[in-house]
């Protein structure tokens, strides 16, 4: 079995344990989401990545349309507009944008080369992140900016070009930053809560409370965990954003290390694929690998208290339906790329 598939199935199994401990009533719904994620994984293995690269601009246009539409017709808690609700399931276009941006930027570099002016591609990437920013979802928007920048860097775009495009973007955003922070106070409140935590001050009405409760669950877990029947301390979003704490509480520090090992295995396998493949397919493999593992590092960093609370789910583990669907599809594409890389190696040896 390919390490990618093995890691994915085991991470989903850990997710079942984490959600079961955090919210037993959601276990049946999580099973449904895992089933749909596996269907998305299968879809990713069936269609050639070249098809997505060929139609990357159309896919990005559709994603931008969804991101605009969700601002008017979307829903969510506390007045945010991030989801389209389809019966019991919610579709979050910003999750889809993570994978679509990878295909678009890989396609752009494949068509134009890495020394071609990147202003057009950078504007489209910034527009995607900007629409997510006003939902508002600051953490996901920042993640999209970071993922796009990393893809440009690893594609070999000259540093001077990246610097001037980045500087222009920063100068365009700065005049609106004060208005944004005043309009969406949760962003500054989360950073303030994180500073309170660093100073050893936290109360139930501040964001740092969530991190302290997560750390309490991590400590109470012990080496081997409390098992699926353990009583988790009160922890907001324990089934989603803080699911790593729930997983460790159930399986112990040993289980937490296994989860870290599985993400490391996924990263190394994806990196190996990126180094084996050539052209835009190599950048797709790298981008999808970064999407899965960088987001996992961000989520786990929040849980253990290294980073401010972001609200970013843990790929392949958290309860969120959109995240499971998109991350499952991303793994499927990586599996398809692995199969094609193996076929090319066989052809090279036979010739």
C-alpha atoms as a PDB file:
ATOM      1  CA  UNK A   1       0.000   0.000   0.000  1.00  0.00           C
ATOM      2  CA  UNK A   2       1.259   3.463  -0.899  1.00  0.00           C
ATOM      3  CA  UNK A   3       2.384   5.451   2.190  1.00  0.00           C
ATOM      4  CA  UNK A   4       0.059   8.267   1.083  1.00  0.00           C
ATOM      5  CA  UNK A   5      -3.007   6.058   1.277  1.00  0.00           C
ATOM      6  CA  UNK A   6      -1.882   4.368   4.499  1.00  0.00           C
ATOM      7  CA  UNK A   7      -1.253   7.723   6.193  1.00  0.00           C
ATOM      8  CA  UNK A   8      -4.630   9.042   5.026  1.00  0.00           C
ATOM      9  CA  UNK A   9      -6.626   6.070   6.286  1.00  0.00           C
ATOM     10  CA  UNK A  10      -4.863   6.089   9.655  1.00  0.00           C
ATOM     11  CA  UNK A  11      -5.352   9.847  10.069  1.00  0.00           C
ATOM     12  CA  UNK A  12      -9.058   9.407   9.341  1.00  0.00           C
ATOM     13  CA  UNK A  13      -9.192   6.653  11.960  1.00  0.00           C
ATOM     14  CA  UNK A  14      -7.580   8.993  14.497  1.00  0.00           C
ATOM     15  CA  UNK A  15     -10.155  11.591  13.491  1.00  0.00           C
ATOM     16  CA  UNK A  16     -12.957   9.173  14.360  1.00  0.00           C
ATOM     17  CA  UNK A  17     -11.455   8.706  17.824  1.00  0.00           C
ATOM     18  CA  UNK A  18     -11.015  12.447  18.340  1.00  0.00           C
ATOM     19  CA  UNK A  19     -14.532  13.369  17.239  1.00  0.00           C
ATOM     20  CA  UNK A  20     -15.986  10.451  19.225  1.00  0.00           C
ATOM     21  CA  UNK A  21     -14.351  11.696  22.422  1.00  0.00           C
ATOM     22  CA  UNK A  22     -15.176  15.356  21.791  1.00  0.00           C
ATOM     23  CA  UNK A  23     -18.773  15.032  20.545  1.00  0.00           C
ATOM     24  CA  UNK A  24     -20.130  11.446  20.554  1.00  0.00           C
ATOM     25  CA  UNK A  25     -23.349  12.655  18.949  1.00  0.00           C
ATOM     26  CA  UNK A  26     -21.423  13.781  15.859  1.00  0.00           C
ATOM     27  CA  UNK A  27     -19.766  10.423  15.251  1.00  0.00           C
ATOM     28  CA  UNK A  28     -22.364   9.209  12.759  1.00  0.00           C
ATOM     29  CA  UNK A  29     -22.144  12.461  10.790  1.00  0.00           C
ATOM     30  CA  UNK A  30     -18.356  12.222  10.797  1.00  0.00           C
ATOM     31  CA  UNK A  31     -18.565   8.700   9.360  1.00  0.00           C
ATOM     32  CA  UNK A  32     -20.667  10.105   6.521  1.00  0.00           C
ATOM     33  CA  UNK A  33     -18.113  12.836   5.905  1.00  0.00           C
ATOM     34  CA  UNK A  34     -15.272  10.307   5.835  1.00  0.00           C
ATOM     35  CA  UNK A  35     -17.237   8.237   3.319  1.00  0.00           C
ATOM     36  CA  UNK A  36     -17.669  11.283   1.063  1.00  0.00           C
ATOM     37  CA  UNK A  37     -13.994  12.122   1.494  1.00  0.00           C
ATOM     38  CA  UNK A  38     -13.041   8.642   0.297  1.00  0.00           C
ATOM     39  CA  UNK A  39     -15.286   9.127  -2.743  1.00  0.00           C
ATOM     40  CA  UNK A  40     -13.451  12.420  -3.429  1.00  0.00           C
ATOM     41  CA  UNK A  41     -10.144  10.556  -3.024  1.00  0.00           C
ATOM     42  CA  UNK A  42     -11.283   7.985  -5.589  1.00  0.00           C
ATOM     43  CA  UNK A  43     -12.285  10.780  -7.971  1.00  0.00           C
ATOM     44  CA  UNK A  44      -8.840  12.301  -7.590  1.00  0.00           C
ATOM     45  CA  UNK A  45      -7.222   9.016  -8.608  1.00  0.00           C
ATOM     46  CA  UNK A  46      -9.476   8.491 -11.643  1.00  0.00           C
ATOM     47  CA  UNK A  47      -8.935  11.743 -13.535  1.00  0.00           C
ATOM     48  CA  UNK A  48      -5.476  12.708 -14.862  1.00  0.00           C
ATOM     49  CA  UNK A  49      -3.942  15.839 -13.258  1.00  0.00           C
ATOM     50  CA  UNK A  50      -3.245  17.184 -16.757  1.00  0.00           C
ATOM     51  CA  UNK A  51      -7.006  17.607 -17.135  1.00  0.00           C
ATOM     52  CA  UNK A  52      -7.146  19.935 -14.106  1.00  0.00           C
ATOM     53  CA  UNK A  53      -4.055  21.796 -15.338  1.00  0.00           C
ATOM     54  CA  UNK A  54      -5.605  22.271 -18.765  1.00  0.00           C
ATOM     55  CA  UNK A  55      -8.764  23.751 -17.280  1.00  0.00           C
ATOM     56  CA  UNK A  56      -7.120  25.499 -14.309  1.00  0.00           C
ATOM     57  CA  UNK A  57      -8.224  28.980 -15.376  1.00  0.00           C
ATOM     58  CA  UNK A  58     -11.817  27.830 -15.684  1.00  0.00           C
ATOM     59  CA  UNK A  59     -11.623  26.138 -12.276  1.00  0.00           C
ATOM     60  CA  UNK A  60     -10.252  29.333 -10.716  1.00  0.00           C
ATOM     61  CA  UNK A  61     -12.986  31.414 -12.351  1.00  0.00           C
ATOM     62  CA  UNK A  62     -15.625  29.065 -10.916  1.00  0.00           C
ATOM     63  CA  UNK A  63     -14.024  29.237  -7.474  1.00  0.00           C
ATOM     64  CA  UNK A  64     -13.911  33.039  -7.577  1.00  0.00           C
ATOM     65  CA  UNK A  65     -17.586  33.048  -8.536  1.00  0.00           C
ATOM     66  CA  UNK A  66     -18.400  30.853  -5.534  1.00  0.00           C
ATOM     67  CA  UNK A  67     -16.352  33.093  -3.233  1.00  0.00           C
ATOM     68  CA  UNK A  68     -18.294  36.132  -4.454  1.00  0.00           C
ATOM     69  CA  UNK A  69     -21.624  34.328  -4.232  1.00  0.00           C
ATOM     70  CA  UNK A  70     -21.023  33.154  -0.663  1.00  0.00           C
ATOM     71  CA  UNK A  71     -20.633  36.784   0.445  1.00  0.00           C
ATOM     72  CA  UNK A  72     -24.256  37.376  -0.554  1.00  0.00           C
ATOM     73  CA  UNK A  73     -25.951  34.017  -0.088  1.00  0.00           C
ATOM     74  CA  UNK A  74     -23.670  32.282   2.405  1.00  0.00           C
ATOM     75  CA  UNK A  75     -24.224  31.651   6.085  1.00  0.00           C
ATOM     76  CA  UNK A  76     -22.313  30.900   9.240  1.00  0.00           C
ATOM     77  CA  UNK A  77     -22.150  31.578  12.974  1.00  0.00           C
ATOM     78  CA  UNK A  78     -21.773  35.108  14.306  1.00  0.00           C
ATOM     79  CA  UNK A  79     -22.690  36.809  11.047  1.00  0.00           C
ATOM     80  CA  UNK A  80     -19.830  35.408   8.976  1.00  0.00           C
ATOM     81  CA  UNK A  81     -20.549  34.252   5.421  1.00  0.00           C
ATOM     82  CA  UNK A  82     -18.383  31.240   4.656  1.00  0.00           C
ATOM     83  CA  UNK A  83     -20.687  28.300   3.910  1.00  0.00           C
ATOM     84  CA  UNK A  84     -23.365  27.173   1.503  1.00  0.00           C
ATOM     85  CA  UNK A  85     -25.520  24.698   3.408  1.00  0.00           C
ATOM     86  CA  UNK A  86     -26.690  21.704   1.379  1.00  0.00           C
ATOM     87  CA  UNK A  87     -28.949  19.823   3.782  1.00  0.00           C
ATOM     88  CA  UNK A  88     -26.795  18.462   6.632  1.00  0.00           C
ATOM     89  CA  UNK A  89     -23.566  19.334   4.803  1.00  0.00           C
ATOM     90  CA  UNK A  90     -21.873  22.691   4.407  1.00  0.00           C
ATOM     91  CA  UNK A  91     -19.748  23.672   1.406  1.00  0.00           C
ATOM     92  CA  UNK A  92     -16.962  26.139   2.173  1.00  0.00           C
ATOM     93  CA  UNK A  93     -15.547  27.608  -1.076  1.00  0.00           C
ATOM     94  CA  UNK A  94     -12.389  28.812   0.679  1.00  0.00           C
ATOM     95  CA  UNK A  95     -11.363  25.181   1.237  1.00  0.00           C
ATOM     96  CA  UNK A  96     -11.784  24.471  -2.464  1.00  0.00           C
ATOM     97  CA  UNK A  97      -9.683  27.551  -3.257  1.00  0.00           C
ATOM     98  CA  UNK A  98      -6.614  25.977  -1.629  1.00  0.00           C
ATOM     99  CA  UNK A  99      -6.445  23.153  -4.172  1.00  0.00           C
ATOM    100  CA  UNK A 100      -7.628  25.195  -7.163  1.00  0.00           C
ATOM    101  CA  UNK A 101      -4.906  27.806  -6.563  1.00  0.00           C
ATOM    102  CA  UNK A 102      -2.291  25.045  -6.636  1.00  0.00           C
ATOM    103  CA  UNK A 103      -3.524  23.872 -10.038  1.00  0.00           C
ATOM    104  CA  UNK A 104      -3.798  27.393 -11.402  1.00  0.00           C
ATOM    105  CA  UNK A 105      -0.315  28.512 -10.330  1.00  0.00           C
ATOM    106  CA  UNK A 106       1.252  25.241 -11.521  1.00  0.00           C
ATOM    107  CA  UNK A 107      -0.536  25.665 -14.846  1.00  0.00           C
ATOM    108  CA  UNK A 108       0.592  29.297 -15.116  1.00  0.00           C
ATOM    109  CA  UNK A 109       4.259  28.435 -14.536  1.00  0.00           C
ATOM    110  CA  UNK A 110       3.976  25.460 -16.903  1.00  0.00           C
ATOM    111  CA  UNK A 111       2.596  27.684 -19.693  1.00  0.00           C
ATOM    112  CA  UNK A 112       4.677  30.826 -19.155  1.00  0.00           C
ATOM    113  CA  UNK A 113       7.861  29.639 -17.495  1.00  0.00           C
ATOM    114  CA  UNK A 114       9.322  30.903 -14.222  1.00  0.00           C
ATOM    115  CA  UNK A 115      10.869  34.081 -15.681  1.00  0.00           C
ATOM    116  CA  UNK A 116       7.599  35.433 -17.092  1.00  0.00           C
ATOM    117  CA  UNK A 117       5.984  38.480 -15.369  1.00  0.00           C
ATOM    118  CA  UNK A 118       3.776  37.129 -12.586  1.00  0.00           C
ATOM    119  CA  UNK A 119       1.597  40.204 -11.997  1.00  0.00           C
ATOM    120  CA  UNK A 120      -1.522  38.653 -13.545  1.00  0.00           C
ATOM    121  CA  UNK A 121      -1.215  35.396 -11.625  1.00  0.00           C
ATOM    122  CA  UNK A 122      -0.359  37.245  -8.418  1.00  0.00           C
ATOM    123  CA  UNK A 123      -3.422  39.494  -8.795  1.00  0.00           C
ATOM    124  CA  UNK A 124      -5.707  36.472  -9.229  1.00  0.00           C
ATOM    125  CA  UNK A 125      -4.145  34.740  -6.204  1.00  0.00           C
ATOM    126  CA  UNK A 126      -4.521  37.951  -4.187  1.00  0.00           C
ATOM    127  CA  UNK A 127      -8.141  38.329  -5.336  1.00  0.00           C
ATOM    128  CA  UNK A 128      -8.873  34.774  -4.165  1.00  0.00           C
ATOM    129  CA  UNK A 129      -7.313  35.412  -0.768  1.00  0.00           C
ATOM    130  CA  UNK A 130      -8.943  38.855  -0.572  1.00  0.00           C
ATOM    131  CA  UNK A 131     -12.446  37.457  -1.068  1.00  0.00           C
ATOM    132  CA  UNK A 132     -11.771  34.985   1.740  1.00  0.00           C
ATOM    133  CA  UNK A 133     -10.446  37.823   3.888  1.00  0.00           C
ATOM    134  CA  UNK A 134     -13.763  39.708   3.772  1.00  0.00           C
ATOM    135  CA  UNK A 135     -15.941  36.673   4.669  1.00  0.00           C
ATOM    136  CA  UNK A 136     -14.186  37.247   7.162  1.00  0.00           C
ATOM    137  CA  UNK A 137     -11.610  34.439   7.466  1.00  0.00           C
ATOM    138  CA  UNK A 138      -8.252  36.031   8.199  1.00  0.00           C
ATOM    139  CA  UNK A 139      -6.370  32.787   8.894  1.00  0.00           C
ATOM    140  CA  UNK A 140      -7.435  31.043   5.670  1.00  0.00           C
ATOM    141  CA  UNK A 141      -6.701  34.168   3.628  1.00  0.00           C
ATOM    142  CA  UNK A 142      -3.212  34.355   5.141  1.00  0.00           C
ATOM    143  CA  UNK A 143      -2.740  30.649   4.422  1.00  0.00           C
ATOM    144  CA  UNK A 144      -3.690  31.197   0.759  1.00  0.00           C
ATOM    145  CA  UNK A 145      -1.226  34.098   0.501  1.00  0.00           C
ATOM    146  CA  UNK A 146       1.519  31.956   2.048  1.00  0.00           C
ATOM    147  CA  UNK A 147       0.794  28.922  -0.122  1.00  0.00           C
ATOM    148  CA  UNK A 148       0.840  31.066  -3.287  1.00  0.00           C
ATOM    149  CA  UNK A 149       4.119  32.730  -2.291  1.00  0.00           C
ATOM    150  CA  UNK A 150       5.750  29.369  -1.573  1.00  0.00           C
ATOM    151  CA  UNK A 151       4.662  27.993  -4.937  1.00  0.00           C
ATOM    152  CA  UNK A 152       6.147  31.014  -6.737  1.00  0.00           C
ATOM    153  CA  UNK A 153       9.385  30.576  -4.771  1.00  0.00           C
ATOM    154  CA  UNK A 154       9.727  26.840  -5.424  1.00  0.00           C
ATOM    155  CA  UNK A 155       8.819  27.365  -9.084  1.00  0.00           C
ATOM    156  CA  UNK A 156      11.989  29.429  -9.363  1.00  0.00           C
ATOM    157  CA  UNK A 157      10.466  32.878  -9.926  1.00  0.00           C
ATOM    158  CA  UNK A 158      13.277  35.456  -9.516  1.00  0.00           C
ATOM    159  CA  UNK A 159      13.463  36.996  -6.056  1.00  0.00           C
ATOM    160  CA  UNK A 160      13.494  40.556  -7.367  1.00  0.00           C
ATOM    161  CA  UNK A 161      10.190  39.947  -9.130  1.00  0.00           C
ATOM    162  CA  UNK A 162       8.653  38.396  -6.028  1.00  0.00           C
ATOM    163  CA  UNK A 163       9.914  41.282  -3.890  1.00  0.00           C
ATOM    164  CA  UNK A 164       8.449  44.056  -6.034  1.00  0.00           C
ATOM    165  CA  UNK A 165       5.118  42.273  -6.556  1.00  0.00           C
ATOM    166  CA  UNK A 166       4.891  41.574  -2.813  1.00  0.00           C
ATOM    167  CA  UNK A 167       5.792  45.161  -1.955  1.00  0.00           C
ATOM    168  CA  UNK A 168       3.152  46.496  -4.344  1.00  0.00           C
ATOM    169  CA  UNK A 169       0.552  44.200  -2.802  1.00  0.00           C
ATOM    170  CA  UNK A 170       1.513  45.283   0.714  1.00  0.00           C
ATOM    171  CA  UNK A 171       1.251  48.972  -0.173  1.00  0.00           C
ATOM    172  CA  UNK A 172      -2.177  48.343  -1.706  1.00  0.00           C
ATOM    173  CA  UNK A 173      -3.461  46.571   1.407  1.00  0.00           C
ATOM    174  CA  UNK A 174      -2.035  48.825   4.145  1.00  0.00           C
ATOM    175  CA  UNK A 175      -4.492  51.725   3.719  1.00  0.00           C
ATOM    176  CA  UNK A 176      -7.410  49.354   4.389  1.00  0.00           C
ATOM    177  CA  UNK A 177      -5.866  47.445   7.317  1.00  0.00           C
ATOM    178  CA  UNK A 178      -7.151  49.825  10.002  1.00  0.00           C
ATOM    179  CA  UNK A 179     -10.705  49.668   8.662  1.00  0.00           C
ATOM    180  CA  UNK A 180     -10.542  45.869   8.429  1.00  0.00           C
ATOM    181  CA  UNK A 181      -9.332  45.427  12.007  1.00  0.00           C
ATOM    182  CA  UNK A 182     -11.977  47.866  13.256  1.00  0.00           C
ATOM    183  CA  UNK A 183     -14.737  46.110  11.298  1.00  0.00           C
ATOM    184  CA  UNK A 184     -13.692  42.553  12.190  1.00  0.00           C
ATOM    185  CA  UNK A 185     -12.494  42.859  15.741  1.00  0.00           C
ATOM    186  CA  UNK A 186     -12.118  39.095  16.219  1.00  0.00           C
ATOM    187  CA  UNK A 187      -8.740  39.228  14.409  1.00  0.00           C
ATOM    188  CA  UNK A 188      -7.158  41.681  16.848  1.00  0.00           C
ATOM    189  CA  UNK A 189      -8.948  39.996  19.775  1.00  0.00           C
ATOM    190  CA  UNK A 190      -7.358  36.661  18.909  1.00  0.00           C
ATOM    191  CA  UNK A 191      -3.900  38.207  18.823  1.00  0.00           C
ATOM    192  CA  UNK A 192      -4.624  40.007  22.100  1.00  0.00           C
ATOM    193  CA  UNK A 193      -5.766  36.721  23.625  1.00  0.00           C
ATOM    194  CA  UNK A 194      -2.574  35.040  22.451  1.00  0.00           C
ATOM    195  CA  UNK A 195      -0.504  37.799  24.066  1.00  0.00           C
ATOM    196  CA  UNK A 196      -2.485  37.282  27.295  1.00  0.00           C
ATOM    197  CA  UNK A 197      -1.624  33.605  27.113  1.00  0.00           C
ATOM    198  CA  UNK A 198       2.080  34.324  26.602  1.00  0.00           C
ATOM    199  CA  UNK A 199       1.967  36.596  29.657  1.00  0.00           C
ATOM    200  CA  UNK A 200       0.296  33.905  31.735  1.00  0.00           C
ATOM    201  CA  UNK A 201      -3.097  35.609  31.812  1.00  0.00           C
ATOM    202  CA  UNK A 202      -6.273  33.962  30.508  1.00  0.00           C
ATOM    203  CA  UNK A 203      -9.933  33.946  31.465  1.00  0.00           C
ATOM    204  CA  UNK A 204     -12.999  32.048  30.185  1.00  0.00           C
ATOM    205  CA  UNK A 205     -14.124  35.044  28.129  1.00  0.00           C
ATOM    206  CA  UNK A 206     -10.872  35.315  26.180  1.00  0.00           C
ATOM    207  CA  UNK A 207      -9.483  33.328  23.260  1.00  0.00           C
ATOM    208  CA  UNK A 208      -6.539  32.019  25.288  1.00  0.00           C
ATOM    209  CA  UNK A 209      -8.996  29.966  27.342  1.00  0.00           C
ATOM    210  CA  UNK A 210      -9.370  27.581  24.414  1.00  0.00           C
ATOM    211  CA  UNK A 211      -5.612  27.022  24.213  1.00  0.00           C
ATOM    212  CA  UNK A 212      -5.308  26.472  27.983  1.00  0.00           C
ATOM    213  CA  UNK A 213      -8.104  23.894  27.909  1.00  0.00           C
ATOM    214  CA  UNK A 214      -6.440  22.147  24.985  1.00  0.00           C
ATOM    215  CA  UNK A 215      -3.189  21.993  26.920  1.00  0.00           C
ATOM    216  CA  UNK A 216      -5.050  20.606  29.932  1.00  0.00           C
ATOM    217  CA  UNK A 217      -6.412  17.806  27.733  1.00  0.00           C
ATOM    218  CA  UNK A 218      -2.903  17.102  26.415  1.00  0.00           C
ATOM    219  CA  UNK A 219      -1.488  16.832  29.945  1.00  0.00           C
ATOM    220  CA  UNK A 220      -4.351  14.660  31.235  1.00  0.00           C
ATOM    221  CA  UNK A 221      -3.894  12.271  28.307  1.00  0.00           C
ATOM    222  CA  UNK A 222      -0.751  10.736  29.742  1.00  0.00           C
ATOM    223  CA  UNK A 223       1.433   8.342  27.734  1.00  0.00           C
ATOM    224  CA  UNK A 224      -1.395   6.060  26.585  1.00  0.00           C
ATOM    225  CA  UNK A 225      -4.516   8.237  26.756  1.00  0.00           C
ATOM    226  CA  UNK A 226      -7.907   7.991  28.425  1.00  0.00           C
ATOM    227  CA  UNK A 227      -9.454   5.844  25.688  1.00  0.00           C
ATOM    228  CA  UNK A 228     -12.624   6.506  23.665  1.00  0.00           C
ATOM    229  CA  UNK A 229     -14.720   6.659  26.837  1.00  0.00           C
ATOM    230  CA  UNK A 230     -12.664   9.339  28.582  1.00  0.00           C
ATOM    231  CA  UNK A 231     -14.344  12.558  29.739  1.00  0.00           C
ATOM    232  CA  UNK A 232     -12.675  15.415  27.896  1.00  0.00           C
ATOM    233  CA  UNK A 233     -12.299  18.735  29.769  1.00  0.00           C
ATOM    234  CA  UNK A 234     -14.504  21.515  28.431  1.00  0.00           C
ATOM    235  CA  UNK A 235     -12.885  22.536  25.153  1.00  0.00           C
ATOM    236  CA  UNK A 236     -14.656  24.678  22.506  1.00  0.00           C
ATOM    237  CA  UNK A 237     -14.359  23.238  18.967  1.00  0.00           C
ATOM    238  CA  UNK A 238     -12.797  20.032  20.318  1.00  0.00           C
ATOM    239  CA  UNK A 239     -14.197  18.105  17.332  1.00  0.00           C
ATOM    240  CA  UNK A 240     -12.886  20.523  14.715  1.00  0.00           C
ATOM    241  CA  UNK A 241     -10.217  23.199  15.228  1.00  0.00           C
ATOM    242  CA  UNK A 242      -8.897  21.588  18.439  1.00  0.00           C
ATOM    243  CA  UNK A 243      -9.363  17.967  17.401  1.00  0.00           C
ATOM    244  CA  UNK A 244      -5.656  17.201  17.885  1.00  0.00           C
ATOM    245  CA  UNK A 245      -6.128  17.714  21.627  1.00  0.00           C
ATOM    246  CA  UNK A 246      -9.085  15.294  21.545  1.00  0.00           C
ATOM    247  CA  UNK A 247      -7.069  12.712  19.618  1.00  0.00           C
ATOM    248  CA  UNK A 248      -4.191  12.910  22.092  1.00  0.00           C
ATOM    249  CA  UNK A 249      -6.605  12.773  25.032  1.00  0.00           C
ATOM    250  CA  UNK A 250      -8.013   9.507  23.673  1.00  0.00           C
ATOM    251  CA  UNK A 251      -4.786   7.891  22.435  1.00  0.00           C
ATOM    252  CA  UNK A 252      -2.129   9.470  24.661  1.00  0.00           C
ATOM    253  CA  UNK A 253       1.152  11.151  23.893  1.00  0.00           C
ATOM    254  CA  UNK A 254       2.120   8.054  21.947  1.00  0.00           C
ATOM    255  CA  UNK A 255      -0.923   8.509  19.703  1.00  0.00           C
ATOM    256  CA  UNK A 256      -0.037  12.169  19.203  1.00  0.00           C
ATOM    257  CA  UNK A 257       3.463  11.187  18.086  1.00  0.00           C
ATOM    258  CA  UNK A 258       1.968   8.698  15.638  1.00  0.00           C
ATOM    259  CA  UNK A 259      -0.199  11.464  14.144  1.00  0.00           C
ATOM    260  CA  UNK A 260       2.889  13.673  13.735  1.00  0.00           C
ATOM    261  CA  UNK A 261       4.730  10.754  12.146  1.00  0.00           C
ATOM    262  CA  UNK A 262       1.873  10.182   9.678  1.00  0.00           C
ATOM    263  CA  UNK A 263       1.962  13.807   8.541  1.00  0.00           C
ATOM    264  CA  UNK A 264       5.760  13.593   8.255  1.00  0.00           C
ATOM    265  CA  UNK A 265       5.370  10.435   6.155  1.00  0.00           C
ATOM    266  CA  UNK A 266       2.830  12.216   3.948  1.00  0.00           C
ATOM    267  CA  UNK A 267       5.203  15.162   3.562  1.00  0.00           C
ATOM    268  CA  UNK A 268       8.202  13.009   2.638  1.00  0.00           C
ATOM    269  CA  UNK A 269       6.191  10.958   0.140  1.00  0.00           C
ATOM    270  CA  UNK A 270       4.782  14.102  -1.480  1.00  0.00           C
ATOM    271  CA  UNK A 271       8.221  15.720  -1.594  1.00  0.00           C
ATOM    272  CA  UNK A 272       9.638  12.592  -3.207  1.00  0.00           C
ATOM    273  CA  UNK A 273       6.914  12.785  -5.862  1.00  0.00           C
ATOM    274  CA  UNK A 274       7.638  16.454  -6.506  1.00  0.00           C
ATOM    275  CA  UNK A 275      11.330  15.669  -7.027  1.00  0.00           C
ATOM    276  CA  UNK A 276      10.557  12.713  -9.310  1.00  0.00           C
ATOM    277  CA  UNK A 277       8.024  14.448 -11.550  1.00  0.00           C
ATOM    278  CA  UNK A 278       8.801  17.189 -14.049  1.00  0.00           C
ATOM    279  CA  UNK A 279       7.097  20.410 -15.111  1.00  0.00           C
ATOM    280  CA  UNK A 280       3.756  21.609 -13.699  1.00  0.00           C
ATOM    281  CA  UNK A 281       2.921  18.153 -12.304  1.00  0.00           C
ATOM    282  CA  UNK A 282       5.929  18.462  -9.996  1.00  0.00           C
ATOM    283  CA  UNK A 283       4.584  21.796  -8.715  1.00  0.00           C
ATOM    284  CA  UNK A 284       1.113  20.267  -8.228  1.00  0.00           C
ATOM    285  CA  UNK A 285       2.618  17.478  -6.097  1.00  0.00           C
ATOM    286  CA  UNK A 286       4.567  19.998  -4.033  1.00  0.00           C
ATOM    287  CA  UNK A 287       1.618  22.383  -3.670  1.00  0.00           C
ATOM    288  CA  UNK A 288      -0.840  19.720  -2.541  1.00  0.00           C
ATOM    289  CA  UNK A 289       1.724  18.322  -0.110  1.00  0.00           C
ATOM    290  CA  UNK A 290       2.316  21.784   1.347  1.00  0.00           C
ATOM    291  CA  UNK A 291      -1.425  22.377   1.604  1.00  0.00           C
ATOM    292  CA  UNK A 292      -1.942  19.213   3.665  1.00  0.00           C
ATOM    293  CA  UNK A 293       1.142  19.356   5.874  1.00  0.00           C
ATOM    294  CA  UNK A 294       1.550  23.114   6.332  1.00  0.00           C
ATOM    295  CA  UNK A 295      -2.085  23.400   7.414  1.00  0.00           C
ATOM    296  CA  UNK A 296      -1.589  20.450   9.767  1.00  0.00           C
ATOM    297  CA  UNK A 297       1.453  22.161  11.301  1.00  0.00           C
ATOM    298  CA  UNK A 298      -0.551  25.376  11.706  1.00  0.00           C
ATOM    299  CA  UNK A 299      -3.441  23.581  13.420  1.00  0.00           C
ATOM    300  CA  UNK A 300      -1.222  21.594  15.770  1.00  0.00           C
ATOM    301  CA  UNK A 301       0.863  24.700  16.525  1.00  0.00           C
ATOM    302  CA  UNK A 302      -2.312  26.455  17.684  1.00  0.00           C
ATOM    303  CA  UNK A 303      -3.371  23.502  19.826  1.00  0.00           C
ATOM    304  CA  UNK A 304      -0.082  23.293  21.711  1.00  0.00           C
ATOM    305  CA  UNK A 305       0.057  27.089  22.156  1.00  0.00           C
ATOM    306  CA  UNK A 306       2.814  28.049  19.709  1.00  0.00           C
ATOM    307  CA  UNK A 307       0.490  30.145  17.509  1.00  0.00           C
ATOM    308  CA  UNK A 308      -2.633  32.303  17.966  1.00  0.00           C
ATOM    309  CA  UNK A 309      -6.012  30.624  17.490  1.00  0.00           C
ATOM    310  CA  UNK A 310      -6.779  30.516  13.764  1.00  0.00           C
ATOM    311  CA  UNK A 311      -9.842  28.322  13.240  1.00  0.00           C
ATOM    312  CA  UNK A 312      -8.017  26.296  10.552  1.00  0.00           C
ATOM    313  CA  UNK A 313      -9.060  22.583  10.601  1.00  0.00           C
ATOM    314  CA  UNK A 314      -6.694  19.621  10.792  1.00  0.00           C
ATOM    315  CA  UNK A 315      -6.661  17.996   7.318  1.00  0.00           C
ATOM    316  CA  UNK A 316      -8.088  14.458   7.134  1.00  0.00           C
ATOM    317  CA  UNK A 317      -8.891  14.523  10.866  1.00  0.00           C
ATOM    318  CA  UNK A 318     -11.223  17.420  11.768  1.00  0.00           C
ATOM    319  CA  UNK A 319     -15.008  17.170  11.580  1.00  0.00           C
ATOM    320  CA  UNK A 320     -15.396  19.854   8.887  1.00  0.00           C
ATOM    321  CA  UNK A 321     -17.018  18.405   5.773  1.00  0.00           C
ATOM    322  CA  UNK A 322     -15.443  20.753   3.200  1.00  0.00           C
ATOM    323  CA  UNK A 323     -11.977  20.204   4.644  1.00  0.00           C
ATOM    324  CA  UNK A 324     -12.386  16.419   4.545  1.00  0.00           C
ATOM    325  CA  UNK A 325     -13.694  16.484   0.976  1.00  0.00           C
ATOM    326  CA  UNK A 326     -10.921  18.722  -0.358  1.00  0.00           C
ATOM    327  CA  UNK A 327      -8.094  17.054   1.570  1.00  0.00           C
ATOM    328  CA  UNK A 328      -9.349  13.626   0.438  1.00  0.00           C
ATOM    329  CA  UNK A 329      -9.393  14.822  -3.156  1.00  0.00           C
ATOM    330  CA  UNK A 330      -5.862  16.237  -2.772  1.00  0.00           C
ATOM    331  CA  UNK A 331      -4.593  12.858  -1.568  1.00  0.00           C
ATOM    332  CA  UNK A 332      -6.329  11.198  -4.520  1.00  0.00           C
ATOM    333  CA  UNK A 333      -4.513  13.489  -6.974  1.00  0.00           C
ATOM    334  CA  UNK A 334      -1.205  12.714  -5.235  1.00  0.00           C
ATOM    335  CA  UNK A 335      -1.928   8.985  -5.564  1.00  0.00           C
ATOM    336  CA  UNK A 336      -2.648   9.453  -9.263  1.00  0.00           C
ATOM    337  CA  UNK A 337       0.619  11.362  -9.666  1.00  0.00           C
ATOM    338  CA  UNK A 338       2.455   8.572  -7.834  1.00  0.00           C
ATOM    339  CA  UNK A 339       0.968   6.008 -10.204  1.00  0.00           C
ATOM    340  CA  UNK A 340       1.961   8.043 -13.251  1.00  0.00           C
ATOM    341  CA  UNK A 341       5.475   8.600 -11.884  1.00  0.00           C
ATOM    342  CA  UNK A 342       5.869   4.855 -11.376  1.00  0.00           C
ATOM    343  CA  UNK A 343       4.656   4.158 -14.919  1.00  0.00           C
ATOM    344  CA  UNK A 344       7.181   6.626 -16.339  1.00  0.00           C
ATOM    345  CA  UNK A 345       9.966   4.976 -14.346  1.00  0.00           C
ATOM    346  CA  UNK A 346       8.987   1.565 -15.746  1.00  0.00           C
ATOM    347  CA  UNK A 347       8.935   2.974 -19.278  1.00  0.00           C
ATOM    348  CA  UNK A 348      12.355   4.555 -18.759  1.00  0.00           C
ATOM    349  CA  UNK A 349      13.819   1.260 -17.532  1.00  0.00           C
ATOM    350  CA  UNK A 350      12.251  -0.744 -20.377  1.00  0.00           C
ATOM    351  CA  UNK A 351      13.596   1.642 -22.987  1.00  0.00           C
END
